Amino acid sequence: MRILLSAALLLVTASCVSQNNWSPITIYAGPGHLQLSNFRFDRAQIEAVVAAAPDCSAPAPPIAFELPFKGTRVIDAPGDSDICWRRQVGPGQWTEWNHALIAGGLSIEAQL
C-alpha cells in the first residue's frame, strides 16, 4: 500500500513540476558541443560565435578558423549558450548564420 501511495505522490509531483518548466533532473546543464565537419569544400573559412540569445546578428567576438576538406572542429559552449556559425563565400561575403541549439548541454554534429 505504501508503494502505491508513494508512486501516486511521485506522479502528482512530476505533473506539477512539468507545468512550471522546471525539472529536478537538470539542475546543472553542462557544456554543450558542436562538432562541425567539412566534406564538401576544399577549404572553408568559418566564423563561429557562442550566443546566449537566439539572435546571431549581434554575437560575441567570433572564433575564426579554416576547416579543410574532411576536417572537423569541435566548439564548446557553456550550458546556457548556443553556437552560431557561417561560411565565407567570397571576399566580405558570408552565408546566413546557422544556429546549433546546444543549450542544456547537448552535443550536435553538423556538416557544411
C-alpha atoms as a PDB file:
ATOM      1  CA  MET A   1       0.000   0.000   0.000  1.00  0.00           C
ATOM      2  CA  ARG A   2       2.845   2.392   0.821  1.00  0.00           C
ATOM      3  CA  ILE A   3       4.413   1.725  -2.546  1.00  0.00           C
ATOM      4  CA  LEU A   4       1.199   2.643  -4.350  1.00  0.00           C
ATOM      5  CA  LEU A   5       0.835   5.841  -2.327  1.00  0.00           C
ATOM      6  CA  SER A   6       4.473   6.758  -2.960  1.00  0.00           C
ATOM      7  CA  ALA A   7       4.101   6.132  -6.696  1.00  0.00           C
ATOM      8  CA  ALA A   8       0.916   8.227  -6.842  1.00  0.00           C
ATOM      9  CA  LEU A   9       2.580  11.071  -4.942  1.00  0.00           C
ATOM     10  CA  LEU A  10       5.579  10.926  -7.284  1.00  0.00           C
ATOM     11  CA  LEU A  11       3.331  11.112 -10.371  1.00  0.00           C
ATOM     12  CA  VAL A  12       1.366  14.060  -8.978  1.00  0.00           C
ATOM     13  CA  THR A  13       4.594  15.878  -8.096  1.00  0.00           C
ATOM     14  CA  ALA A  14       6.069  15.205 -11.544  1.00  0.00           C
ATOM     15  CA  SER A  15       2.965  16.559 -13.274  1.00  0.00           C
ATOM     16  CA  CYS A  16       3.132  19.766 -11.223  1.00  0.00           C
ATOM     17  CA  VAL A  17       6.830  20.233 -11.882  1.00  0.00           C
ATOM     18  CA  SER A  18       6.428  19.990 -15.677  1.00  0.00           C
ATOM     19  CA  GLN A  19       3.835  22.786 -15.660  1.00  0.00           C
ATOM     20  CA  ASN A  20       6.398  25.212 -14.270  1.00  0.00           C
ATOM     21  CA  ASN A  21       9.094  24.283 -16.851  1.00  0.00           C
ATOM     22  CA  TRP A  22      11.422  23.202 -14.090  1.00  0.00           C
ATOM     23  CA  SER A  23      12.994  19.810 -13.871  1.00  0.00           C
ATOM     24  CA  PRO A  24      14.720  18.443 -10.791  1.00  0.00           C
ATOM     25  CA  ILE A  25      16.839  16.233 -13.063  1.00  0.00           C
ATOM     26  CA  THR A  26      18.570  19.053 -14.985  1.00  0.00           C
ATOM     27  CA  ILE A  27      19.751  21.159 -12.086  1.00  0.00           C
ATOM     28  CA  TYR A  28      23.141  21.678 -13.748  1.00  0.00           C
ATOM     29  CA  ALA A  29      23.428  21.937 -17.509  1.00  0.00           C
ATOM     30  CA  GLY A  30      26.967  21.048 -18.511  1.00  0.00           C
ATOM     31  CA  PRO A  31      28.730  22.494 -21.520  1.00  0.00           C
ATOM     32  CA  GLY A  32      27.360  21.882 -24.998  1.00  0.00           C
ATOM     33  CA  HIS A  33      29.392  20.870 -28.029  1.00  0.00           C
ATOM     34  CA  LEU A  34      29.129  21.475 -31.764  1.00  0.00           C
ATOM     35  CA  GLN A  35      31.088  19.122 -33.993  1.00  0.00           C
ATOM     36  CA  LEU A  36      31.355  20.877 -37.362  1.00  0.00           C
ATOM     37  CA  SER A  37      32.654  18.849 -40.346  1.00  0.00           C
ATOM     38  CA  ASN A  38      33.567  19.768 -43.919  1.00  0.00           C
ATOM     39  CA  PHE A  39      33.005  17.072 -46.545  1.00  0.00           C
ATOM     40  CA  ARG A  40      32.022  19.490 -49.306  1.00  0.00           C
ATOM     41  CA  PHE A  41      34.605  22.254 -49.845  1.00  0.00           C
ATOM     42  CA  ASP A  42      38.390  22.232 -50.438  1.00  0.00           C
ATOM     43  CA  ARG A  43      38.868  24.795 -47.686  1.00  0.00           C
ATOM     44  CA  ALA A  44      36.202  26.708 -45.813  1.00  0.00           C
ATOM     45  CA  GLN A  45      36.674  29.914 -43.838  1.00  0.00           C
ATOM     46  CA  ILE A  46      34.355  29.731 -40.842  1.00  0.00           C
ATOM     47  CA  GLU A  47      33.214  32.205 -38.218  1.00  0.00           C
ATOM     48  CA  ALA A  48      31.581  30.784 -35.115  1.00  0.00           C
ATOM     49  CA  VAL A  49      30.174  32.568 -32.092  1.00  0.00           C
ATOM     50  CA  VAL A  50      28.882  31.476 -28.714  1.00  0.00           C
ATOM     51  CA  ALA A  51      25.499  33.160 -28.289  1.00  0.00           C
ATOM     52  CA  ALA A  52      23.313  33.282 -25.198  1.00  0.00           C
ATOM     53  CA  ALA A  53      20.348  34.525 -27.274  1.00  0.00           C
ATOM     54  CA  PRO A  54      18.762  33.013 -30.387  1.00  0.00           C
ATOM     55  CA  ASP A  55      19.672  36.099 -32.441  1.00  0.00           C
ATOM     56  CA  CYS A  56      23.095  35.615 -34.080  1.00  0.00           C
ATOM     57  CA  SER A  57      23.249  39.074 -35.675  1.00  0.00           C
ATOM     58  CA  ALA A  58      24.752  40.725 -32.579  1.00  0.00           C
ATOM     59  CA  PRO A  59      27.055  37.973 -31.338  1.00  0.00           C
ATOM     60  CA  ALA A  60      30.080  37.892 -29.081  1.00  0.00           C
ATOM     61  CA  PRO A  61      33.506  38.166 -30.740  1.00  0.00           C
ATOM     62  CA  PRO A  62      33.734  35.465 -33.428  1.00  0.00           C
ATOM     63  CA  ILE A  63      36.020  32.467 -33.471  1.00  0.00           C
ATOM     64  CA  ALA A  64      37.574  32.430 -36.972  1.00  0.00           C
ATOM     65  CA  PHE A  65      39.142  29.281 -38.370  1.00  0.00           C
ATOM     66  CA  GLU A  66      39.761  27.390 -41.600  1.00  0.00           C
ATOM     67  CA  LEU A  67      38.204  23.967 -41.999  1.00  0.00           C
ATOM     68  CA  PRO A  68      39.941  21.811 -44.636  1.00  0.00           C
ATOM     69  CA  PHE A  69      38.216  19.100 -46.674  1.00  0.00           C
ATOM     70  CA  LYS A  70      37.389  16.152 -44.380  1.00  0.00           C
ATOM     71  CA  GLY A  71      38.264  18.344 -41.404  1.00  0.00           C
ATOM     72  CA  THR A  72      36.312  18.520 -38.165  1.00  0.00           C
ATOM     73  CA  ARG A  73      36.310  21.109 -35.406  1.00  0.00           C
ATOM     74  CA  VAL A  74      34.642  20.825 -32.002  1.00  0.00           C
ATOM     75  CA  ILE A  75      33.423  24.049 -30.425  1.00  0.00           C
ATOM     76  CA  ASP A  76      32.426  24.074 -26.760  1.00  0.00           C
ATOM     77  CA  ALA A  77      29.984  26.465 -25.120  1.00  0.00           C
ATOM     78  CA  PRO A  78      28.630  26.932 -21.587  1.00  0.00           C
ATOM     79  CA  GLY A  79      25.440  25.062 -20.747  1.00  0.00           C
ATOM     80  CA  ASP A  80      23.202  28.122 -21.194  1.00  0.00           C
ATOM     81  CA  SER A  81      24.511  29.115 -24.660  1.00  0.00           C
ATOM     82  CA  ASP A  82      24.140  28.091 -28.287  1.00  0.00           C
ATOM     83  CA  ILE A  83      26.633  28.243 -31.151  1.00  0.00           C
ATOM     84  CA  CYS A  84      26.133  30.095 -34.423  1.00  0.00           C
ATOM     85  CA  TRP A  85      28.383  29.675 -37.450  1.00  0.00           C
ATOM     86  CA  ARG A  86      28.675  30.856 -41.029  1.00  0.00           C
ATOM     87  CA  ARG A  87      30.949  30.229 -44.031  1.00  0.00           C
ATOM     88  CA  GLN A  88      32.707  32.807 -46.181  1.00  0.00           C
ATOM     89  CA  VAL A  89      31.597  32.553 -49.826  1.00  0.00           C
ATOM     90  CA  GLY A  90      33.642  35.464 -51.216  1.00  0.00           C
ATOM     91  CA  PRO A  91      35.652  38.478 -50.073  1.00  0.00           C
ATOM     92  CA  GLY A  92      33.470  40.100 -47.395  1.00  0.00           C
ATOM     93  CA  GLN A  93      30.531  37.810 -48.253  1.00  0.00           C
ATOM     94  CA  TRP A  94      29.152  35.284 -45.807  1.00  0.00           C
ATOM     95  CA  THR A  95      26.328  32.771 -45.716  1.00  0.00           C
ATOM     96  CA  GLU A  96      23.440  33.309 -43.328  1.00  0.00           C
ATOM     97  CA  TRP A  97      24.075  32.283 -39.735  1.00  0.00           C
ATOM     98  CA  ASN A  98      23.442  28.633 -38.873  1.00  0.00           C
ATOM     99  CA  HIS A  99      22.272  28.022 -35.334  1.00  0.00           C
ATOM    100  CA  ALA A 100      23.110  24.936 -33.260  1.00  0.00           C
ATOM    101  CA  LEU A 101      20.750  24.656 -30.296  1.00  0.00           C
ATOM    102  CA  ILE A 102      23.060  23.145 -27.690  1.00  0.00           C
ATOM    103  CA  ALA A 103      21.801  24.942 -24.564  1.00  0.00           C
ATOM    104  CA  GLY A 104      21.297  22.460 -21.779  1.00  0.00           C
ATOM    105  CA  GLY A 105      24.487  20.535 -22.516  1.00  0.00           C
ATOM    106  CA  LEU A 106      23.567  18.965 -25.853  1.00  0.00           C
ATOM    107  CA  SER A 107      26.105  17.711 -28.393  1.00  0.00           C
ATOM    108  CA  ILE A 108      25.308  18.377 -32.057  1.00  0.00           C
ATOM    109  CA  GLU A 109      27.035  17.168 -35.229  1.00  0.00           C
ATOM    110  CA  ALA A 110      26.724  19.395 -38.310  1.00  0.00           C
ATOM    111  CA  GLN A 111      28.204  19.461 -41.799  1.00  0.00           C
ATOM    112  CA  LEU A 112      28.922  22.392 -44.066  1.00  0.00           C
END
